[in-house]
Amino acid sequence: MSIKERLKELGIELPPANKPTGSYVPATASGTLCFSSGQTPRVNGEVAYTGTMGAENGPSLEEAYAAARVCAINCLAAVDMAAGLDNVARVLKVTGFINAAPGFTQTAKVLNGASDLLLEVFAQAGRHARSAIGIQALPGNAVVEVEIVVRLKEPREFPAD
């Protein structure tokens, strides 16, 4: 089964890759590696989940988990644009930045939203190393930002040199 078929089976519609808000591309591929840029939980161009974890009136753990899931979907859209999802052999690394108040220690639980999605999509090939880092602010006041690194089956160069 192709990855796109697997996404359809899971009821996940892959959006177009988010347009960069700065001087970068959504993902870059070189040889058999593809790196996504950090993706916030943007839906239809707008940050859908905002706030600071552990702050008064901040998002719940469930909301932040859902936000990380959206980030992972956006990462997949970026990788698809740069190298094709069906060209992904394995997810190697996931890095998550969580908008967190001092003392918030559940960053790993937030990032599980992205990790769990990648495991659903890629099964064993979705097992990855990762880092979950609490920081003081993110673009658009997003609650989380995620980036991924994948190994490709066939080499790609994007953007072309």
Protein backbone atom coordinates (compact mmCIF):
# COMPACT_ATOMS: atom_id res chain seq x y z
CA MET A 1 0.00 0.00 0.00
CA SER A 2 1.35 3.45 -0.88
CA ILE A 3 1.70 6.12 1.78
CA LYS A 4 -0.96 8.23 0.07
CA GLU A 5 -3.32 5.24 0.17
CA ARG A 6 -2.47 4.76 3.85
CA LEU A 7 -3.28 8.43 4.55
CA LYS A 8 -6.63 8.03 2.80
CA GLU A 9 -7.33 4.87 4.82
CA LEU A 10 -6.62 6.87 8.01
CA GLY A 11 -8.93 9.68 6.86
CA ILE A 12 -6.07 12.17 6.58
CA GLU A 13 -6.13 14.66 3.73
CA LEU A 14 -2.68 15.98 2.94
CA PRO A 15 -2.83 19.77 2.48
CA PRO A 16 -0.59 21.65 0.07
CA ALA A 17 2.80 22.45 1.63
CA ASN A 18 2.58 25.61 3.72
CA LYS A 19 4.03 28.67 2.05
CA PRO A 20 7.14 29.87 3.85
CA THR A 21 6.85 33.00 5.96
CA GLY A 22 10.52 33.85 5.40
CA SER A 23 13.54 33.15 3.23
CA TYR A 24 13.45 29.35 3.17
CA VAL A 25 11.72 26.39 1.50
CA PRO A 26 9.21 24.03 3.20
CA ALA A 27 11.62 21.10 2.77
CA THR A 28 14.95 20.34 1.15
CA ALA A 29 16.26 17.06 -0.19
CA SER A 30 19.83 16.07 -0.95
CA GLY A 31 20.70 12.54 -1.88
CA THR A 32 18.74 10.14 0.28
CA LEU A 33 17.92 12.64 3.03
CA CYS A 34 14.99 15.05 3.17
CA PHE A 35 14.59 17.69 5.89
CA SER A 36 11.34 19.53 6.53
CA SER A 37 11.41 23.07 7.81
CA GLY A 38 9.70 23.61 11.13
CA GLN A 39 5.94 23.37 10.65
CA THR A 40 3.44 25.00 12.96
CA PRO A 41 -0.16 23.77 13.28
CA ARG A 42 -1.39 25.84 10.34
CA VAL A 43 -4.72 24.91 8.80
CA ASN A 44 -5.74 26.81 5.67
CA GLY A 45 -2.83 29.20 6.22
CA GLU A 46 -3.75 30.13 9.80
CA VAL A 47 -2.22 28.89 13.06
CA ALA A 48 -5.02 26.75 14.49
CA TYR A 49 -3.56 26.08 17.96
CA THR A 50 -1.99 28.88 19.97
CA GLY A 51 -0.84 29.56 23.50
CA THR A 52 1.72 28.58 26.08
CA MET A 53 1.68 25.19 27.75
CA GLY A 54 1.54 25.42 31.53
CA ALA A 55 0.37 29.04 31.48
CA GLU A 56 -2.93 30.22 32.90
CA ASN A 57 -5.54 29.84 30.14
CA GLY A 58 -2.99 27.89 28.08
CA PRO A 59 -4.02 24.99 25.85
CA SER A 60 -4.77 21.59 27.33
CA LEU A 61 -2.44 18.66 26.83
CA GLU A 62 -5.05 17.14 24.47
CA GLU A 63 -5.15 20.33 22.36
CA ALA A 64 -1.36 20.49 22.17
CA TYR A 65 -1.21 16.79 21.20
CA ALA A 66 -3.70 17.53 18.38
CA ALA A 67 -1.59 20.53 17.34
CA ALA A 68 1.55 18.38 17.11
CA ARG A 69 -0.41 15.96 14.93
CA VAL A 70 -1.32 18.80 12.55
CA CYS A 71 2.34 19.85 12.50
CA ALA A 72 3.34 16.32 11.47
CA ILE A 73 0.77 16.33 8.67
CA ASN A 74 2.23 19.65 7.49
CA CYS A 75 5.73 18.11 7.62
CA LEU A 76 4.51 15.27 5.43
CA ALA A 77 3.07 17.76 2.95
CA ALA A 78 6.46 19.50 2.79
CA VAL A 79 8.33 16.22 2.30
CA ASP A 80 5.83 15.20 -0.37
CA MET A 81 6.48 18.45 -2.25
CA ALA A 82 10.26 18.02 -2.09
CA ALA A 83 10.72 14.28 -2.59
CA GLY A 84 7.38 12.42 -2.75
CA LEU A 85 5.90 10.57 0.21
CA ASP A 86 6.04 7.23 -1.52
CA ASN A 87 9.80 7.77 -1.80
CA VAL A 88 10.17 7.80 2.01
CA ALA A 89 11.98 4.73 3.30
CA ARG A 90 12.07 5.70 6.96
CA VAL A 91 11.49 8.54 9.40
CA LEU A 92 14.82 9.20 11.10
CA LYS A 93 14.36 12.17 13.44
CA VAL A 94 11.57 14.33 14.83
CA THR A 95 12.28 17.58 16.64
CA GLY A 96 9.51 19.42 18.45
CA PHE A 97 9.57 22.87 19.96
CA ILE A 98 6.83 23.42 22.52
CA ASN A 99 5.75 26.91 23.59
CA ALA A 100 6.11 26.34 27.33
CA ALA A 101 5.94 28.31 30.54
CA PRO A 102 8.79 27.85 33.04
CA GLY A 103 8.32 24.58 34.88
CA PHE A 104 6.29 22.84 32.16
CA THR A 105 7.75 19.32 31.97
CA GLN A 106 5.37 17.44 29.68
CA THR A 107 6.92 18.39 26.34
CA ALA A 108 7.32 14.72 25.42
CA LYS A 109 3.56 14.14 25.83
CA VAL A 110 2.84 17.05 23.49
CA LEU A 111 5.23 15.74 20.84
CA ASN A 112 3.62 12.30 21.02
CA GLY A 113 0.94 13.79 18.75
CA ALA A 114 3.48 13.98 15.92
CA SER A 115 5.25 10.71 16.76
CA ASP A 116 2.01 8.73 17.01
CA LEU A 117 0.84 10.05 13.63
CA LEU A 118 4.11 9.06 11.95
CA LEU A 119 3.83 5.56 13.43
CA GLU A 120 0.24 5.28 12.16
CA VAL A 121 1.31 6.30 8.67
CA PHE A 122 4.65 4.51 8.30
CA ALA A 123 4.32 1.65 10.84
CA GLN A 124 7.81 0.32 11.75
CA ALA A 125 9.42 2.71 9.24
CA GLY A 126 7.96 5.54 11.34
CA ARG A 127 10.03 4.69 14.44
CA HIS A 128 12.42 7.58 14.98
CA ALA A 129 14.77 9.39 17.28
CA ARG A 130 13.42 12.68 18.64
CA SER A 131 13.86 15.72 20.82
CA ALA A 132 11.05 17.59 22.60
CA ILE A 133 12.21 21.06 23.61
CA GLY A 134 10.34 23.67 25.64
CA ILE A 135 10.90 27.25 24.48
CA GLN A 136 9.48 30.66 25.32
CA ALA A 137 7.77 31.61 22.03
CA LEU A 138 6.95 30.38 18.52
CA PRO A 139 5.85 32.10 15.31
CA GLY A 140 2.18 33.13 15.40
CA ASN A 141 2.06 32.15 19.09
CA ALA A 142 1.80 28.52 17.95
CA VAL A 143 1.76 26.01 20.78
CA VAL A 144 4.15 23.66 18.94
CA GLU A 145 6.44 23.48 15.91
CA VAL A 146 7.72 20.21 14.45
CA GLU A 147 10.41 19.29 11.93
CA ILE A 148 11.30 15.87 10.55
CA VAL A 149 14.19 14.19 8.78
CA VAL A 150 13.48 11.20 6.53
CA ARG A 151 15.58 8.77 4.52
CA LEU A 152 14.53 8.39 0.89
CA LYS A 153 14.42 5.26 -1.23
CA GLU A 154 15.69 7.11 -4.31
CA PRO A 155 17.99 10.16 -4.19
CA ARG A 156 16.48 13.59 -4.83
CA GLU A 157 17.78 17.14 -5.09
CA PHE A 158 15.31 19.84 -4.07
CA PRO A 159 15.46 22.66 -4.67
CA ALA A 160 17.55 21.96 -7.74
CA ASP A 161 21.07 23.39 -7.64
